[in-house]
Structure formats: structure tokens, C-alpha cells
N, C-alpha and C. Protein backbone atom coordinates (compact mmCIF):
# COMPACT_ATOMS: atom_id res chain seq x y z
N MET A 1 42.12 -12.67 55.02
CA MET A 1 43.47 -12.25 54.70
C MET A 1 43.77 -12.47 53.22
N GLY A 2 43.11 -13.43 52.61
CA GLY A 2 43.38 -13.74 51.21
C GLY A 2 43.07 -12.60 50.25
N HIS A 3 42.11 -11.77 50.61
CA HIS A 3 41.78 -10.63 49.76
C HIS A 3 42.89 -9.59 49.82
N ILE A 4 43.58 -9.49 50.94
CA ILE A 4 44.63 -8.50 51.10
C ILE A 4 45.95 -8.99 50.54
N ASP A 5 46.29 -10.26 50.79
CA ASP A 5 47.59 -10.76 50.32
C ASP A 5 47.54 -11.40 48.93
N GLY A 6 46.35 -11.45 48.33
CA GLY A 6 46.23 -11.95 46.96
C GLY A 6 46.06 -13.45 46.83
N THR A 7 45.97 -14.17 47.95
CA THR A 7 45.80 -15.62 47.85
C THR A 7 44.37 -16.01 47.50
N THR A 8 43.41 -15.11 47.75
CA THR A 8 42.04 -15.32 47.29
C THR A 8 41.92 -14.59 45.96
N LEU A 9 41.83 -15.34 44.90
CA LEU A 9 41.85 -14.75 43.56
C LEU A 9 40.53 -14.09 43.19
N ILE A 10 40.63 -13.03 42.41
CA ILE A 10 39.45 -12.36 41.88
C ILE A 10 38.76 -13.31 40.91
N GLN A 11 37.47 -13.46 41.06
CA GLN A 11 36.69 -14.33 40.19
C GLN A 11 36.24 -13.55 38.95
N ALA A 12 35.94 -14.28 37.90
CA ALA A 12 35.40 -13.65 36.68
C ALA A 12 34.01 -13.09 36.98
N GLU A 13 33.71 -11.92 36.44
CA GLU A 13 32.41 -11.30 36.71
C GLU A 13 31.26 -12.07 36.08
N THR A 14 31.53 -12.69 34.94
CA THR A 14 30.48 -13.45 34.25
C THR A 14 30.98 -14.85 33.93
N ILE A 15 30.04 -15.73 33.72
CA ILE A 15 30.36 -17.09 33.30
C ILE A 15 29.57 -17.39 32.03
N ASN A 16 30.08 -18.33 31.26
CA ASN A 16 29.41 -18.74 30.03
C ASN A 16 28.59 -19.98 30.35
N ASN A 17 27.29 -19.87 30.24
CA ASN A 17 26.38 -20.97 30.54
C ASN A 17 25.62 -21.35 29.27
N ASN A 18 26.10 -22.38 28.60
CA ASN A 18 25.50 -22.84 27.33
C ASN A 18 25.45 -21.73 26.29
N GLY A 19 26.56 -21.00 26.18
CA GLY A 19 26.66 -19.95 25.19
C GLY A 19 26.04 -18.63 25.61
N VAL A 20 25.51 -18.56 26.81
CA VAL A 20 24.88 -17.34 27.30
C VAL A 20 25.71 -16.82 28.47
N SER A 21 26.06 -15.54 28.39
CA SER A 21 26.82 -14.91 29.46
C SER A 21 25.89 -14.61 30.64
N ALA A 22 26.33 -15.01 31.82
CA ALA A 22 25.51 -14.82 33.01
C ALA A 22 26.40 -14.33 34.15
N PRO A 23 25.80 -13.62 35.12
CA PRO A 23 26.59 -13.18 36.27
C PRO A 23 27.16 -14.40 37.02
N ASN A 24 28.38 -14.26 37.47
CA ASN A 24 29.04 -15.34 38.20
C ASN A 24 28.74 -15.19 39.69
N PRO A 25 28.01 -16.13 40.30
CA PRO A 25 27.70 -16.01 41.72
C PRO A 25 28.95 -16.01 42.61
N GLU A 26 30.02 -16.66 42.16
CA GLU A 26 31.27 -16.66 42.93
C GLU A 26 31.90 -15.27 42.95
N TYR A 27 31.76 -14.54 41.81
CA TYR A 27 32.27 -13.18 41.77
C TYR A 27 31.47 -12.31 42.74
N THR A 28 30.17 -12.48 42.77
CA THR A 28 29.32 -11.69 43.66
C THR A 28 29.74 -11.91 45.11
N LYS A 29 30.00 -13.17 45.49
CA LYS A 29 30.47 -13.46 46.85
C LYS A 29 31.83 -12.80 47.10
N TRP A 30 32.74 -12.96 46.13
CA TRP A 30 34.08 -12.37 46.27
C TRP A 30 33.98 -10.86 46.42
N PHE A 31 33.21 -10.21 45.55
CA PHE A 31 33.09 -8.75 45.54
C PHE A 31 32.49 -8.25 46.85
N THR A 32 31.44 -8.92 47.33
CA THR A 32 30.79 -8.51 48.58
C THR A 32 31.77 -8.57 49.74
N LEU A 33 32.53 -9.65 49.85
CA LEU A 33 33.51 -9.78 50.92
C LEU A 33 34.63 -8.75 50.76
N ASP A 34 35.08 -8.52 49.54
CA ASP A 34 36.14 -7.55 49.30
C ASP A 34 35.70 -6.15 49.71
N GLN A 35 34.47 -5.78 49.39
CA GLN A 35 33.95 -4.47 49.77
C GLN A 35 33.84 -4.35 51.29
N LEU A 36 33.47 -5.43 51.95
CA LEU A 36 33.40 -5.43 53.40
C LEU A 36 34.79 -5.19 54.00
N ILE A 37 35.78 -5.87 53.46
CA ILE A 37 37.16 -5.70 53.94
C ILE A 37 37.64 -4.26 53.71
N ILE A 38 37.34 -3.72 52.53
CA ILE A 38 37.70 -2.32 52.24
C ILE A 38 37.08 -1.39 53.28
N ASN A 39 35.79 -1.59 53.55
CA ASN A 39 35.11 -0.73 54.52
C ASN A 39 35.71 -0.87 55.91
N LEU A 40 36.09 -2.09 56.30
CA LEU A 40 36.73 -2.29 57.60
C LEU A 40 38.09 -1.58 57.65
N LEU A 41 38.86 -1.69 56.57
CA LEU A 41 40.15 -1.01 56.52
C LEU A 41 39.98 0.50 56.59
N LEU A 42 39.05 1.03 55.81
CA LEU A 42 38.83 2.48 55.79
C LEU A 42 38.33 2.99 57.13
N SER A 43 37.50 2.20 57.81
CA SER A 43 36.96 2.65 59.10
C SER A 43 38.03 2.68 60.19
N SER A 44 39.14 1.98 59.96
CA SER A 44 40.22 1.99 60.96
C SER A 44 41.22 3.12 60.73
N MET A 45 41.01 3.90 59.67
CA MET A 45 41.94 4.99 59.34
C MET A 45 41.42 6.32 59.83
N THR A 46 42.30 7.31 59.82
CA THR A 46 41.85 8.67 60.10
C THR A 46 40.95 9.11 58.96
N GLU A 47 40.19 10.15 59.20
CA GLU A 47 39.27 10.63 58.16
C GLU A 47 40.02 11.04 56.90
N ALA A 48 41.13 11.73 57.07
CA ALA A 48 41.92 12.18 55.91
C ALA A 48 42.44 10.99 55.12
N ASP A 49 42.95 9.97 55.82
CA ASP A 49 43.46 8.79 55.12
C ASP A 49 42.34 8.03 54.44
N SER A 50 41.21 7.88 55.12
CA SER A 50 40.12 7.12 54.52
C SER A 50 39.60 7.80 53.25
N ILE A 51 39.62 9.12 53.22
CA ILE A 51 39.23 9.84 52.00
C ILE A 51 40.24 9.57 50.89
N SER A 52 41.52 9.56 51.25
CA SER A 52 42.57 9.30 50.26
C SER A 52 42.47 7.92 49.65
N PHE A 53 42.08 6.93 50.46
CA PHE A 53 42.06 5.54 50.00
C PHE A 53 40.68 5.06 49.57
N ALA A 54 39.66 5.90 49.65
CA ALA A 54 38.29 5.49 49.32
C ALA A 54 38.13 5.09 47.85
N SER A 55 38.99 5.59 46.98
CA SER A 55 38.86 5.28 45.55
C SER A 55 39.54 3.97 45.16
N TYR A 56 40.22 3.32 46.09
CA TYR A 56 40.87 2.05 45.77
C TYR A 56 39.81 0.99 45.51
N GLU A 57 40.01 0.21 44.46
CA GLU A 57 38.96 -0.70 44.00
C GLU A 57 38.92 -2.05 44.70
N THR A 58 40.07 -2.52 45.18
CA THR A 58 40.09 -3.82 45.86
C THR A 58 40.86 -3.70 47.17
N ALA A 59 40.57 -4.63 48.07
CA ALA A 59 41.26 -4.64 49.36
C ALA A 59 42.77 -4.85 49.17
N ARG A 60 43.15 -5.57 48.14
CA ARG A 60 44.57 -5.86 47.90
C ARG A 60 45.36 -4.60 47.58
N THR A 61 44.74 -3.60 46.98
CA THR A 61 45.47 -2.40 46.58
C THR A 61 45.72 -1.43 47.75
N ILE A 62 44.94 -1.51 48.81
CA ILE A 62 45.09 -0.57 49.92
C ILE A 62 46.44 -0.69 50.62
N PRO A 63 46.91 -1.89 50.98
CA PRO A 63 48.23 -1.95 51.63
C PRO A 63 49.35 -1.37 50.77
N TYR A 64 49.28 -1.56 49.45
CA TYR A 64 50.30 -0.99 48.57
C TYR A 64 50.23 0.54 48.61
N GLY A 65 49.02 1.06 48.63
CA GLY A 65 48.85 2.50 48.73
C GLY A 65 49.37 3.04 50.05
N LEU A 66 49.14 2.29 51.13
CA LEU A 66 49.65 2.71 52.43
C LEU A 66 51.17 2.74 52.43
N LEU A 67 51.78 1.71 51.84
CA LEU A 67 53.24 1.67 51.78
C LEU A 67 53.78 2.83 50.95
N LEU A 68 53.15 3.10 49.82
CA LEU A 68 53.57 4.20 48.96
C LEU A 68 53.42 5.53 49.69
N ASN A 69 52.28 5.70 50.36
CA ASN A 69 52.02 6.93 51.10
C ASN A 69 53.04 7.11 52.22
N HIS A 70 53.31 6.04 52.96
CA HIS A 70 54.30 6.10 54.05
C HIS A 70 55.69 6.42 53.50
N SER A 71 56.02 5.80 52.38
CA SER A 71 57.32 6.03 51.76
C SER A 71 57.45 7.49 51.33
N LEU A 72 56.41 8.04 50.75
CA LEU A 72 56.42 9.43 50.31
C LEU A 72 56.56 10.37 51.50
N ILE A 73 55.82 10.10 52.56
CA ILE A 73 55.90 10.95 53.76
C ILE A 73 57.30 10.89 54.36
N THR A 74 57.88 9.69 54.41
CA THR A 74 59.23 9.53 54.94
C THR A 74 60.23 10.30 54.09
N HIS A 75 60.08 10.20 52.77
CA HIS A 75 60.98 10.92 51.86
C HIS A 75 60.87 12.43 52.07
N LEU A 76 59.65 12.94 52.18
CA LEU A 76 59.45 14.37 52.38
C LEU A 76 60.01 14.82 53.74
N ALA A 77 59.86 14.00 54.77
CA ALA A 77 60.40 14.34 56.09
C ALA A 77 61.93 14.40 56.04
N LEU A 78 62.54 13.47 55.33
CA LEU A 78 64.00 13.50 55.19
C LEU A 78 64.46 14.73 54.43
N MET A 79 63.74 15.09 53.38
CA MET A 79 64.09 16.30 52.62
C MET A 79 63.98 17.54 53.51
N LEU A 80 62.94 17.58 54.33
CA LEU A 80 62.76 18.72 55.24
C LEU A 80 63.91 18.80 56.23
N CYS A 81 64.32 17.66 56.79
CA CYS A 81 65.46 17.64 57.71
C CYS A 81 66.73 18.14 57.03
N GLN A 82 66.95 17.70 55.80
CA GLN A 82 68.14 18.13 55.06
C GLN A 82 68.11 19.64 54.83
N LEU A 83 66.94 20.16 54.50
CA LEU A 83 66.82 21.61 54.28
C LEU A 83 67.09 22.38 55.57
N LYS A 84 66.59 21.86 56.70
CA LYS A 84 66.85 22.52 57.99
C LYS A 84 68.34 22.55 58.30
N ILE A 85 69.01 21.43 58.04
CA ILE A 85 70.46 21.36 58.29
C ILE A 85 71.19 22.36 57.39
N LYS A 86 70.84 22.43 56.12
CA LYS A 86 71.50 23.36 55.19
C LYS A 86 71.22 24.80 55.59
N PHE A 87 69.99 25.07 56.00
CA PHE A 87 69.62 26.42 56.41
C PHE A 87 70.41 26.82 57.66
N SER A 88 70.50 25.90 58.60
CA SER A 88 71.25 26.15 59.84
C SER A 88 72.73 26.42 59.53
N ALA A 89 73.30 25.63 58.63
CA ALA A 89 74.70 25.82 58.24
C ALA A 89 74.88 27.15 57.54
N ALA A 90 73.94 27.53 56.69
CA ALA A 90 74.02 28.81 55.98
C ALA A 90 73.93 29.97 56.96
N GLN A 91 73.11 29.85 57.99
CA GLN A 91 72.99 30.90 58.99
C GLN A 91 74.29 31.07 59.76
N ARG A 92 74.98 29.97 60.07
CA ARG A 92 76.25 30.04 60.79
C ARG A 92 77.32 30.74 59.95
N VAL A 93 77.26 30.53 58.63
CA VAL A 93 78.24 31.18 57.74
C VAL A 93 77.95 32.68 57.68
N ILE A 94 76.69 33.04 57.62
CA ILE A 94 76.30 34.45 57.49
C ILE A 94 76.47 35.19 58.81
N SER A 95 76.07 34.59 59.92
CA SER A 95 76.15 35.23 61.23
C SER A 95 77.42 34.80 61.94
N PRO A 96 78.24 35.79 62.35
CA PRO A 96 79.48 35.44 63.06
C PRO A 96 79.21 34.91 64.45
């Protein structure tokens, strides 16, 4: 859960070891687990959604994308309802 809610912090990709930059083994562990979580999240989605979210880089960003996507869909649905109501009202004015 820490990868999704941000309580498990992203580790530095490299560490300084006696003045020499080296890969950070903690980052490798973090990255491997994060990718596993991303794959689990994507596998639980519809194909269309998983394609939309496949470019997200960390597990933490996917829930924000889902919220944004849901918010956008809700907004578009409300706009469509408003248009239907206006169209219906316009038809009543035109047709006796």
C-alpha cells in the first residue's frame, strides 16, 4: 500500500560509494516492487483503461489518473444531460 499512498518513499537511483556513483540496491528493490504493483493494477482494469494508464511511471500516479479520468467522465456525462434537457426544451418550444 505504501507505493500507492506515498508512504513508501522512492529511493535514489544511485548512491555515492567513496566518491564513486553506484546503483542503489534499495532503489532496485523499490522499482521492482513498484512495477509489480503497476502490473497488478493494470491487469485489474479493462483493456481500454489499462492502455490509457500503461504510460504511468509509478504506482502512486495511477490512482490520481483514475480520479482525474472519473472526474472527466462525470463532467462529460453532466454536460450531455444538460444538452439533452436544453434540446428537449427547445423541441417543446418549436413543436406545439
